[in-house]
Amino acid sequence: MATNEEIMKGAVRVRVPTVSELGDQTVNLNVYVVDDKGSK
């Protein structure tokens, strides 16, 4: 999970985790949003 989320209008800014196993890897980014209307 990415950290230091900063939510902006229509976007989110996060910090790429400093986990040694992630070095030289390709990752897929998935965004999950949960509110009182449900999840997206």
PDB file of all heavy atoms in Angstrom:
ATOM      1  N   MET A   1       0.844  -1.189   0.000  1.00  0.00           N
ATOM      2  CA  MET A   1       0.000   0.000   0.000  1.00  0.00           C
ATOM      3  C   MET A   1       0.883   1.244   0.000  1.00  0.00           C
ATOM      4  O   MET A   1       1.852   1.332   0.756  1.00  0.00           O
ATOM      5  CB  MET A   1      -0.925   0.022   1.215  1.00  0.00           C
ATOM      6  CG  MET A   1      -1.985   1.093   1.101  1.00  0.00           C
ATOM      7  SD  MET A   1      -3.209   1.069   2.428  1.00  0.00           S
ATOM      8  CE  MET A   1      -3.742  -0.606   2.445  1.00  0.00           C
ATOM      9  N   ALA A   2       0.555   2.185  -0.869  1.00  0.00           N
ATOM     10  CA  ALA A   2       1.294   3.453  -0.912  1.00  0.00           C
ATOM     11  C   ALA A   2       0.932   4.277   0.320  1.00  0.00           C
ATOM     12  O   ALA A   2      -0.134   4.095   0.916  1.00  0.00           O
ATOM     13  CB  ALA A   2       0.953   4.209  -2.188  1.00  0.00           C
ATOM     14  N   THR A   3       1.813   5.196   0.690  1.00  0.00           N
ATOM     15  CA  THR A   3       1.615   5.978   1.915  1.00  0.00           C
ATOM     16  C   THR A   3       1.560   7.473   1.618  1.00  0.00           C
ATOM     17  O   THR A   3       1.762   7.901   0.488  1.00  0.00           O
ATOM     18  CB  THR A   3       2.767   5.707   2.899  1.00  0.00           C
ATOM     19  OG1 THR A   3       4.001   6.050   2.250  1.00  0.00           O
ATOM     20  CG2 THR A   3       2.796   4.254   3.332  1.00  0.00           C
ATOM     21  N   ASN A   4       1.318   8.241   2.672  1.00  0.00           N
ATOM     22  CA  ASN A   4       1.277   9.699   2.615  1.00  0.00           C
ATOM     23  C   ASN A   4       0.299  10.205   1.561  1.00  0.00           C
ATOM     24  O   ASN A   4       0.643  11.033   0.721  1.00  0.00           O
ATOM     25  CB  ASN A   4       2.664  10.288   2.352  1.00  0.00           C
ATOM     26  CG  ASN A   4       3.629  10.003   3.492  1.00  0.00           C
ATOM     27  OD1 ASN A   4       3.289   9.312   4.434  1.00  0.00           O
ATOM     28  ND2 ASN A   4       4.812  10.537   3.396  1.00  0.00           N
ATOM     29  N   GLU A   5      -0.936   9.697   1.621  1.00  0.00           N
ATOM     30  CA  GLU A   5      -1.949  10.109   0.643  1.00  0.00           C
ATOM     31  C   GLU A   5      -2.348  11.558   0.864  1.00  0.00           C
ATOM     32  O   GLU A   5      -2.572  11.985   1.984  1.00  0.00           O
ATOM     33  CB  GLU A   5      -3.201   9.236   0.768  1.00  0.00           C
ATOM     34  CG  GLU A   5      -2.966   7.802   0.452  1.00  0.00           C
ATOM     35  CD  GLU A   5      -3.614   6.894   1.479  1.00  0.00           C
ATOM     36  OE1 GLU A   5      -4.047   7.368   2.529  1.00  0.00           O
ATOM     37  OE2 GLU A   5      -3.670   5.689   1.220  1.00  0.00           O
ATOM     38  N   GLU A   6      -2.411  12.277  -0.214  1.00  0.00           N
ATOM     39  CA  GLU A   6      -2.929  13.644  -0.206  1.00  0.00           C
ATOM     40  C   GLU A   6      -4.009  13.702  -1.276  1.00  0.00           C
ATOM     41  O   GLU A   6      -3.723  13.576  -2.465  1.00  0.00           O
ATOM     42  CB  GLU A   6      -1.812  14.644  -0.510  1.00  0.00           C
ATOM     43  CG  GLU A   6      -2.261  16.066  -0.481  1.00  0.00           C
ATOM     44  CD  GLU A   6      -1.142  17.025  -0.844  1.00  0.00           C
ATOM     45  OE1 GLU A   6       0.045  16.665  -0.692  1.00  0.00           O
ATOM     46  OE2 GLU A   6      -1.459  18.132  -1.295  1.00  0.00           O
ATOM     47  N   ILE A   7      -5.245  13.851  -0.839  1.00  0.00           N
ATOM     48  CA  ILE A   7      -6.367  13.823  -1.768  1.00  0.00           C
ATOM     49  C   ILE A   7      -6.625  15.223  -2.289  1.00  0.00           C
ATOM     50  O   ILE A   7      -6.724  16.183  -1.524  1.00  0.00           O
ATOM     51  CB  ILE A   7      -7.619  13.250  -1.089  1.00  0.00           C
ATOM     52  CG1 ILE A   7      -7.315  11.833  -0.603  1.00  0.00           C
ATOM     53  CG2 ILE A   7      -8.799  13.242  -2.049  1.00  0.00           C
ATOM     54  CD1 ILE A   7      -8.356  11.253   0.305  1.00  0.00           C
ATOM     55  N   MET A   8      -6.720  15.314  -3.607  1.00  0.00           N
ATOM     56  CA  MET A   8      -7.016  16.564  -4.288  1.00  0.00           C
ATOM     57  C   MET A   8      -8.293  16.362  -5.087  1.00  0.00           C
ATOM     58  O   MET A   8      -8.783  15.244  -5.187  1.00  0.00           O
ATOM     59  CB  MET A   8      -5.862  16.948  -5.212  1.00  0.00           C
ATOM     60  CG  MET A   8      -4.522  17.072  -4.505  1.00  0.00           C
ATOM     61  SD  MET A   8      -3.144  17.214  -5.647  1.00  0.00           S
ATOM     62  CE  MET A   8      -2.826  15.494  -6.014  1.00  0.00           C
ATOM     63  N   LYS A   9      -8.809  17.393  -5.674  1.00  0.00           N
ATOM     64  CA  LYS A   9     -10.014  17.295  -6.493  1.00  0.00           C
ATOM     65  C   LYS A   9      -9.755  16.371  -7.683  1.00  0.00           C
ATOM     66  O   LYS A   9      -8.998  16.703  -8.585  1.00  0.00           O
ATOM     67  CB  LYS A   9     -10.417  18.690  -6.975  1.00  0.00           C
ATOM     68  CG  LYS A   9     -11.629  18.727  -7.857  1.00  0.00           C
ATOM     69  CD  LYS A   9     -12.879  18.596  -7.050  1.00  0.00           C
ATOM     70  CE  LYS A   9     -14.069  18.792  -7.986  1.00  0.00           C
ATOM     71  NZ  LYS A   9     -15.208  18.095  -7.556  1.00  0.00           N
ATOM     72  N   GLY A  10     -10.329  15.168  -7.659  1.00  0.00           N
ATOM     73  CA  GLY A  10     -10.207  14.242  -8.766  1.00  0.00           C
ATOM     74  C   GLY A  10      -8.890  13.493  -8.848  1.00  0.00           C
ATOM     75  O   GLY A  10      -8.642  12.791  -9.823  1.00  0.00           O
ATOM     76  N   ALA A  11      -8.025  13.615  -7.826  1.00  0.00           N
ATOM     77  CA  ALA A  11      -6.721  12.945  -7.870  1.00  0.00           C
ATOM     78  C   ALA A  11      -6.239  12.646  -6.455  1.00  0.00           C
ATOM     79  O   ALA A  11      -6.764  13.174  -5.479  1.00  0.00           O
ATOM     80  CB  ALA A  11      -5.703  13.819  -8.594  1.00  0.00           C
ATOM     81  N   VAL A  12      -5.238  11.810  -6.377  1.00  0.00           N
ATOM     82  CA  VAL A  12      -4.578  11.522  -5.107  1.00  0.00           C
ATOM     83  C   VAL A  12      -3.074  11.514  -5.357  1.00  0.00           C
ATOM     84  O   VAL A  12      -2.609  11.050  -6.393  1.00  0.00           O
ATOM     85  CB  VAL A  12      -5.050  10.171  -4.500  1.00  0.00           C
ATOM     86  CG1 VAL A  12      -4.730   9.015  -5.416  1.00  0.00           C
ATOM     87  CG2 VAL A  12      -4.461   9.947  -3.117  1.00  0.00           C
ATOM     88  N   ARG A  13      -2.331  12.075  -4.418  1.00  0.00           N
ATOM     89  CA  ARG A  13      -0.874  12.029  -4.495  1.00  0.00           C
ATOM     90  C   ARG A  13      -0.396  11.113  -3.383  1.00  0.00           C
ATOM     91  O   ARG A  13      -0.843  11.230  -2.245  1.00  0.00           O
ATOM     92  CB  ARG A  13      -0.256  13.415  -4.347  1.00  0.00           C
ATOM     93  CG  ARG A  13       1.250  13.347  -4.545  1.00  0.00           C
ATOM     94  CD  ARG A  13       1.936  14.653  -4.689  1.00  0.00           C
ATOM     95  NE  ARG A  13       1.465  15.662  -3.774  1.00  0.00           N
ATOM     96  CZ  ARG A  13       1.612  16.960  -3.976  1.00  0.00           C
ATOM     97  NH1 ARG A  13       2.207  17.392  -5.056  1.00  0.00           N
ATOM     98  NH2 ARG A  13       1.173  17.821  -3.097  1.00  0.00           N
ATOM     99  N   VAL A  14       0.499  10.190  -3.733  1.00  0.00           N
ATOM    100  CA  VAL A  14       1.040   9.231  -2.767  1.00  0.00           C
ATOM    101  C   VAL A  14       2.546   9.154  -2.913  1.00  0.00           C
ATOM    102  O   VAL A  14       3.111   9.581  -3.920  1.00  0.00           O
ATOM    103  CB  VAL A  14       0.435   7.818  -2.959  1.00  0.00           C
ATOM    104  CG1 VAL A  14      -1.040   7.809  -2.664  1.00  0.00           C
ATOM    105  CG2 VAL A  14       0.714   7.277  -4.342  1.00  0.00           C
ATOM    106  N   ARG A  15       3.172   8.583  -1.894  1.00  0.00           N
ATOM    107  CA  ARG A  15       4.613   8.355  -1.928  1.00  0.00           C
ATOM    108  C   ARG A  15       4.857   6.887  -2.276  1.00  0.00           C
ATOM    109  O   ARG A  15       4.228   5.996  -1.704  1.00  0.00           O
ATOM    110  CB  ARG A  15       5.243   8.676  -0.581  1.00  0.00           C
ATOM    111  CG  ARG A  15       6.741   8.408  -0.570  1.00  0.00           C
ATOM    112  CD  ARG A  15       7.493   9.119   0.521  1.00  0.00           C
ATOM    113  NE  ARG A  15       7.361  10.553   0.298  1.00  0.00           N
ATOM    114  CZ  ARG A  15       7.137  11.418   1.283  1.00  0.00           C
ATOM    115  NH1 ARG A  15       7.016  11.023   2.518  1.00  0.00           N
ATOM    116  NH2 ARG A  15       7.037  12.710   1.016  1.00  0.00           N
ATOM    117  N   VAL A  16       5.770   6.658  -3.208  1.00  0.00           N
ATOM    118  CA  VAL A  16       6.145   5.293  -3.573  1.00  0.00           C
ATOM    119  C   VAL A  16       6.868   4.689  -2.370  1.00  0.00           C
ATOM    120  O   VAL A  16       7.827   5.274  -1.864  1.00  0.00           O
ATOM    121  CB  VAL A  16       7.057   5.278  -4.821  1.00  0.00           C
ATOM    122  CG1 VAL A  16       7.510   3.861  -5.147  1.00  0.00           C
ATOM    123  CG2 VAL A  16       6.347   5.915  -6.005  1.00  0.00           C
ATOM    124  N   PRO A  17       6.388   3.540  -1.884  1.00  0.00           N
ATOM    125  CA  PRO A  17       6.997   2.941  -0.690  1.00  0.00           C
ATOM    126  C   PRO A  17       8.477   2.608  -0.888  1.00  0.00           C
ATOM    127  O   PRO A  17       8.901   2.258  -1.992  1.00  0.00           O
ATOM    128  CB  PRO A  17       6.190   1.661  -0.473  1.00  0.00           C
ATOM    129  CG  PRO A  17       4.941   1.839  -1.253  1.00  0.00           C
ATOM    130  CD  PRO A  17       5.264   2.758  -2.385  1.00  0.00           C
ATOM    131  N   THR A  18       9.235   2.712   0.191  1.00  0.00           N
ATOM    132  CA  THR A  18      10.661   2.364   0.150  1.00  0.00           C
ATOM    133  C   THR A  18      10.824   0.951   0.703  1.00  0.00           C
ATOM    134  O   THR A  18      11.345   0.746   1.792  1.00  0.00           O
ATOM    135  CB  THR A  18      11.506   3.370   0.955  1.00  0.00           C
ATOM    136  OG1 THR A  18      10.968   3.448   2.275  1.00  0.00           O
ATOM    137  CG2 THR A  18      11.506   4.732   0.316  1.00  0.00           C
ATOM    138  N   VAL A  19      10.366  -0.003  -0.066  1.00  0.00           N
ATOM    139  CA  VAL A  19      10.464  -1.418   0.280  1.00  0.00           C
ATOM    140  C   VAL A  19      11.490  -2.029  -0.665  1.00  0.00           C
ATOM    141  O   VAL A  19      11.344  -1.932  -1.887  1.00  0.00           O
ATOM    142  CB  VAL A  19       9.083  -2.112   0.123  1.00  0.00           C
ATOM    143  CG1 VAL A  19       9.186  -3.596   0.408  1.00  0.00           C
ATOM    144  CG2 VAL A  19       8.043  -1.450   1.001  1.00  0.00           C
ATOM    145  N   SER A  20      12.516  -2.647  -0.100  1.00  0.00           N
ATOM    146  CA  SER A  20      13.623  -3.128  -0.939  1.00  0.00           C
ATOM    147  C   SER A  20      13.160  -4.108  -2.021  1.00  0.00           C
ATOM    148  O   SER A  20      13.728  -4.138  -3.111  1.00  0.00           O
ATOM    149  CB  SER A  20      14.700  -3.768  -0.078  1.00  0.00           C
ATOM    150  OG  SER A  20      14.176  -4.884   0.620  1.00  0.00           O
ATOM    151  N   GLU A  21      12.135  -4.903  -1.750  1.00  0.00           N
ATOM    152  CA  GLU A  21      11.652  -5.873  -2.735  1.00  0.00           C
ATOM    153  C   GLU A  21      11.022  -5.209  -3.954  1.00  0.00           C
ATOM    154  O   GLU A  21      10.815  -5.849  -4.980  1.00  0.00           O
ATOM    155  CB  GLU A  21      10.638  -6.833  -2.110  1.00  0.00           C
ATOM    156  CG  GLU A  21      11.250  -7.814  -1.141  1.00  0.00           C
ATOM    157  CD  GLU A  21      11.283  -7.267   0.280  1.00  0.00           C
ATOM    158  OE1 GLU A  21      10.946  -6.081   0.500  1.00  0.00           O
ATOM    159  OE2 GLU A  21      11.659  -8.022   1.174  1.00  0.00           O
ATOM    160  N   LEU A  22      10.680  -3.915  -3.861  1.00  0.00           N
ATOM    161  CA  LEU A  22      10.063  -3.225  -4.988  1.00  0.00           C
ATOM    162  C   LEU A  22      11.084  -2.721  -6.002  1.00  0.00           C
ATOM    163  O   LEU A  22      10.719  -2.342  -7.109  1.00  0.00           O
ATOM    164  CB  LEU A  22       9.222  -2.039  -4.504  1.00  0.00           C
ATOM    165  CG  LEU A  22       7.913  -2.370  -3.819  1.00  0.00           C
ATOM    166  CD1 LEU A  22       7.209  -1.098  -3.368  1.00  0.00           C
ATOM    167  CD2 LEU A  22       7.018  -3.178  -4.723  1.00  0.00           C
ATOM    168  N   GLY A  23      12.357  -2.704  -5.631  1.00  0.00           N
ATOM    169  CA  GLY A  23      13.388  -2.215  -6.537  1.00  0.00           C
ATOM    170  C   GLY A  23      13.450  -3.026  -7.814  1.00  0.00           C
ATOM    171  O   GLY A  23      13.442  -4.253  -7.772  1.00  0.00           O
ATOM    172  N   ASP A  24      13.480  -2.338  -8.938  1.00  0.00           N
ATOM    173  CA  ASP A  24      13.556  -2.939 -10.263  1.00  0.00           C
ATOM    174  C   ASP A  24      12.344  -3.827 -10.558  1.00  0.00           C
ATOM    175  O   ASP A  24      12.464  -4.896 -11.130  1.00  0.00           O
ATOM    176  CB  ASP A  24      14.862  -3.726 -10.437  1.00  0.00           C
ATOM    177  CG  ASP A  24      15.196  -3.939 -11.906  1.00  0.00           C
ATOM    178  OD1 ASP A  24      14.845  -3.069 -12.728  1.00  0.00           O
ATOM    179  OD2 ASP A  24      15.773  -4.987 -12.224  1.00  0.00           O
ATOM    180  N   GLN A  25      11.159  -3.355 -10.147  1.00  0.00           N
ATOM    181  CA  GLN A  25       9.914  -4.083 -10.391  1.00  0.00           C
ATOM    182  C   GLN A  25       8.916  -3.190 -11.127  1.00  0.00           C
ATOM    183  O   GLN A  25       8.895  -1.978 -10.934  1.00  0.00           O
ATOM    184  CB  GLN A  25       9.267  -4.527  -9.072  1.00  0.00           C
ATOM    185  CG  GLN A  25      10.017  -5.587  -8.334  1.00  0.00           C
ATOM    186  CD  GLN A  25      10.016  -6.919  -9.078  1.00  0.00           C
ATOM    187  OE1 GLN A  25       9.019  -7.320  -9.666  1.00  0.00           O
ATOM    188  NE2 GLN A  25      11.148  -7.592  -9.041  1.00  0.00           N
ATOM    189  N   THR A  26       8.076  -3.805 -11.938  1.00  0.00           N
ATOM    190  CA  THR A  26       6.943  -3.112 -12.543  1.00  0.00           C
ATOM    191  C   THR A  26       5.724  -3.431 -11.694  1.00  0.00           C
ATOM    192  O   THR A  26       5.505  -4.583 -11.324  1.00  0.00           O
ATOM    193  CB  THR A  26       6.721  -3.582 -13.992  1.00  0.00           C
ATOM    194  OG1 THR A  26       7.921  -3.327 -14.737  1.00  0.00           O
ATOM    195  CG2 THR A  26       5.559  -2.840 -14.637  1.00  0.00           C
ATOM    196  N   VAL A  27       4.962  -2.396 -11.361  1.00  0.00           N
ATOM    197  CA  VAL A  27       3.781  -2.592 -10.525  1.00  0.00           C
ATOM    198  C   VAL A  27       2.554  -1.981 -11.196  1.00  0.00           C
ATOM    199  O   VAL A  27       2.662  -1.042 -11.982  1.00  0.00           O
ATOM    200  CB  VAL A  27       3.955  -1.976  -9.114  1.00  0.00           C
ATOM    201  CG1 VAL A  27       5.083  -2.648  -8.355  1.00  0.00           C
ATOM    202  CG2 VAL A  27       4.181  -0.486  -9.174  1.00  0.00           C
ATOM    203  N   ASN A  28       1.413  -2.532 -10.881  1.00  0.00           N
ATOM    204  CA  ASN A  28       0.138  -1.984 -11.320  1.00  0.00           C
ATOM    205  C   ASN A  28      -0.407  -1.135 -10.174  1.00  0.00           C
ATOM    206  O   ASN A  28      -0.339  -1.536  -9.011  1.00  0.00           O
ATOM    207  CB  ASN A  28      -0.836  -3.104 -11.665  1.00  0.00           C
ATOM    208  CG  ASN A  28      -2.071  -2.577 -12.336  1.00  0.00           C
ATOM    209  OD1 ASN A  28      -1.982  -1.845 -13.322  1.00  0.00           O
ATOM    210  ND2 ASN A  28      -3.230  -2.923 -11.815  1.00  0.00           N
ATOM    211  N   LEU A  29      -0.930   0.044 -10.478  1.00  0.00           N
ATOM    212  CA  LEU A  29      -1.500   0.931  -9.475  1.00  0.00           C
ATOM    213  C   LEU A  29      -3.018   0.790  -9.477  1.00  0.00           C
ATOM    214  O   LEU A  29      -3.658   0.985 -10.508  1.00  0.00           O
ATOM    215  CB  LEU A  29      -1.133   2.391  -9.780  1.00  0.00           C
ATOM    216  CG  LEU A  29       0.352   2.715  -9.810  1.00  0.00           C
ATOM    217  CD1 LEU A  29       0.569   4.116 -10.359  1.00  0.00           C
ATOM    218  CD2 LEU A  29       0.946   2.582  -8.427  1.00  0.00           C
ATOM    219  N   ASN A  30      -3.577   0.432  -8.325  1.00  0.00           N
ATOM    220  CA  ASN A  30      -5.022   0.345  -8.173  1.00  0.00           C
ATOM    221  C   ASN A  30      -5.461   1.324  -7.100  1.00  0.00           C
ATOM    222  O   ASN A  30      -4.841   1.393  -6.037  1.00  0.00           O
ATOM    223  CB  ASN A  30      -5.454  -1.066  -7.783  1.00  0.00           C
ATOM    224  CG  ASN A  30      -5.159  -2.055  -8.881  1.00  0.00           C
ATOM    225  OD1 ASN A  30      -4.175  -2.767  -8.822  1.00  0.00           O
ATOM    226  ND2 ASN A  30      -5.990  -2.082  -9.901  1.00  0.00           N
ATOM    227  N   VAL A  31      -6.513   2.081  -7.401  1.00  0.00           N
ATOM    228  CA  VAL A  31      -7.047   3.063  -6.459  1.00  0.00           C
ATOM    229  C   VAL A  31      -8.405   2.566  -5.977  1.00  0.00           C
ATOM    230  O   VAL A  31      -9.256   2.190  -6.778  1.00  0.00           O
ATOM    231  CB  VAL A  31      -7.203   4.451  -7.131  1.00  0.00           C
ATOM    232  CG1 VAL A  31      -7.770   5.457  -6.152  1.00  0.00           C
ATOM    233  CG2 VAL A  31      -5.862   4.921  -7.684  1.00  0.00           C
ATOM    234  N   TYR A  32      -8.583   2.568  -4.651  1.00  0.00           N
ATOM    235  CA  TYR A  32      -9.843   2.150  -4.036  1.00  0.00           C
ATOM    236  C   TYR A  32     -10.405   3.325  -3.252  1.00  0.00           C
ATOM    237  O   TYR A  32      -9.690   3.934  -2.452  1.00  0.00           O
ATOM    238  CB  TYR A  32      -9.616   0.952  -3.112  1.00  0.00           C
ATOM    239  CG  TYR A  32      -9.054  -0.239  -3.844  1.00  0.00           C
ATOM    240  CD1 TYR A  32      -7.680  -0.473  -3.905  1.00  0.00           C
ATOM    241  CD2 TYR A  32      -9.902  -1.119  -4.514  1.00  0.00           C
ATOM    242  CE1 TYR A  32      -7.165  -1.562  -4.594  1.00  0.00           C
ATOM    243  CE2 TYR A  32      -9.392  -2.209  -5.206  1.00  0.00           C
ATOM    244  CZ  TYR A  32      -8.026  -2.420  -5.236  1.00  0.00           C
ATOM    245  OH  TYR A  32      -7.520  -3.499  -5.929  1.00  0.00           O
ATOM    246  N   VAL A  33     -11.677   3.631  -3.495  1.00  0.00           N
ATOM    247  CA  VAL A  33     -12.345   4.750  -2.839  1.00  0.00           C
ATOM    248  C   VAL A  33     -13.586   4.214  -2.136  1.00  0.00           C
ATOM    249  O   VAL A  33     -14.434   3.588  -2.771  1.00  0.00           O
ATOM    250  CB  VAL A  33     -12.746   5.844  -3.859  1.00  0.00           C
ATOM    251  CG1 VAL A  33     -13.431   7.001  -3.167  1.00  0.00           C
ATOM    252  CG2 VAL A  33     -11.531   6.315  -4.647  1.00  0.00           C
ATOM    253  N   VAL A  34     -13.674   4.450  -0.824  1.00  0.00           N
ATOM    254  CA  VAL A  34     -14.832   4.009  -0.049  1.00  0.00           C
ATOM    255  C   VAL A  34     -15.438   5.230   0.625  1.00  0.00           C
ATOM    256  O   VAL A  34     -14.727   6.025   1.255  1.00  0.00           O
ATOM    257  CB  VAL A  34     -14.432   2.962   1.015  1.00  0.00           C
ATOM    258  CG1 VAL A  34     -15.643   2.530   1.834  1.00  0.00           C
ATOM    259  CG2 VAL A  34     -13.762   1.760   0.364  1.00  0.00           C
ATOM    260  N   ASP A  35     -16.755   5.390   0.488  1.00  0.00           N
ATOM    261  CA  ASP A  35     -17.469   6.469   1.167  1.00  0.00           C
ATOM    262  C   ASP A  35     -18.854   5.971   1.560  1.00  0.00           C
ATOM    263  O   ASP A  35     -19.151   4.778   1.427  1.00  0.00           O
ATOM    264  CB  ASP A  35     -17.528   7.732   0.303  1.00  0.00           C
ATOM    265  CG  ASP A  35     -18.174   7.516  -1.051  1.00  0.00           C
ATOM    266  OD1 ASP A  35     -18.925   6.533  -1.220  1.00  0.00           O
ATOM    267  OD2 ASP A  35     -17.927   8.328  -1.955  1.00  0.00           O
ATOM    268  N   ASP A  36     -19.696   6.859   2.038  1.00  0.00           N
ATOM    269  CA  ASP A  36     -21.020   6.451   2.505  1.00  0.00           C
ATOM    270  C   ASP A  36     -21.926   5.961   1.365  1.00  0.00           C
ATOM    271  O   ASP A  36     -22.959   5.353   1.611  1.00  0.00           O
ATOM    272  CB  ASP A  36     -21.697   7.580   3.279  1.00  0.00           C
ATOM    273  CG  ASP A  36     -21.828   8.864   2.482  1.00  0.00           C
ATOM    274  OD1 ASP A  36     -21.298   8.944   1.363  1.00  0.00           O
ATOM    275  OD2 ASP A  36     -22.459   9.797   3.000  1.00  0.00           O
ATOM    276  N   LYS A  37     -21.534   6.193   0.127  1.00  0.00           N
ATOM    277  CA  LYS A  37     -22.317   5.737  -1.029  1.00  0.00           C
ATOM    278  C   LYS A  37     -21.892   4.342  -1.495  1.00  0.00           C
ATOM    279  O   LYS A  37     -22.517   3.768  -2.364  1.00  0.00           O
ATOM    280  CB  LYS A  37     -22.170   6.717  -2.186  1.00  0.00           C
ATOM    281  CG  LYS A  37     -22.649   8.109  -1.879  1.00  0.00           C
ATOM    282  CD  LYS A  37     -22.290   9.037  -3.022  1.00  0.00           C
ATOM    283  CE  LYS A  37     -22.382  10.467  -2.551  1.00  0.00           C
ATOM    284  NZ  LYS A  37     -21.658  11.376  -3.426  1.00  0.00           N
ATOM    285  N   GLY A  38     -20.794   3.817  -0.970  1.00  0.00           N
ATOM    286  CA  GLY A  38     -20.287   2.505  -1.386  1.00  0.00           C
ATOM    287  C   GLY A  38     -18.814   2.571  -1.723  1.00  0.00           C
ATOM    288  O   GLY A  38     -18.090   3.439  -1.238  1.00  0.00           O
ATOM    289  N   SER A  39     -18.386   1.662  -2.568  1.00  0.00           N
ATOM    290  CA  SER A  39     -16.966   1.623  -2.944  1.00  0.00           C
ATOM    291  C   SER A  39     -16.815   1.653  -4.459  1.00  0.00           C
ATOM    292  O   SER A  39     -17.664   1.163  -5.196  1.00  0.00           O
ATOM    293  CB  SER A  39     -16.292   0.383  -2.369  1.00  0.00           C
ATOM    294  OG  SER A  39     -16.856  -0.780  -2.921  1.00  0.00           O
ATOM    295  N   LYS A  40     -15.705   2.243  -4.880  1.00  0.00           N
ATOM    296  CA  LYS A  40     -15.363   2.335  -6.295  1.00  0.00           C
ATOM    297  C   LYS A  40     -13.867   2.060  -6.409  1.00  0.00           C
ATOM    298  O   LYS A  40     -13.122   2.249  -5.456  1.00  0.00           O
ATOM    299  CB  LYS A  40     -15.660   3.737  -6.837  1.00  0.00           C
ATOM    300  CG  LYS A  40     -17.100   4.190  -6.703  1.00  0.00           C
ATOM    301  CD  LYS A  40     -17.273   5.614  -7.149  1.00  0.00           C
ATOM    302  CE  LYS A  40     -17.140   6.670  -6.147  1.00  0.00           C
ATOM    303  NZ  LYS A  40     -17.782   6.753  -4.934  1.00  0.00           N
TER     304      LYS A  40
END
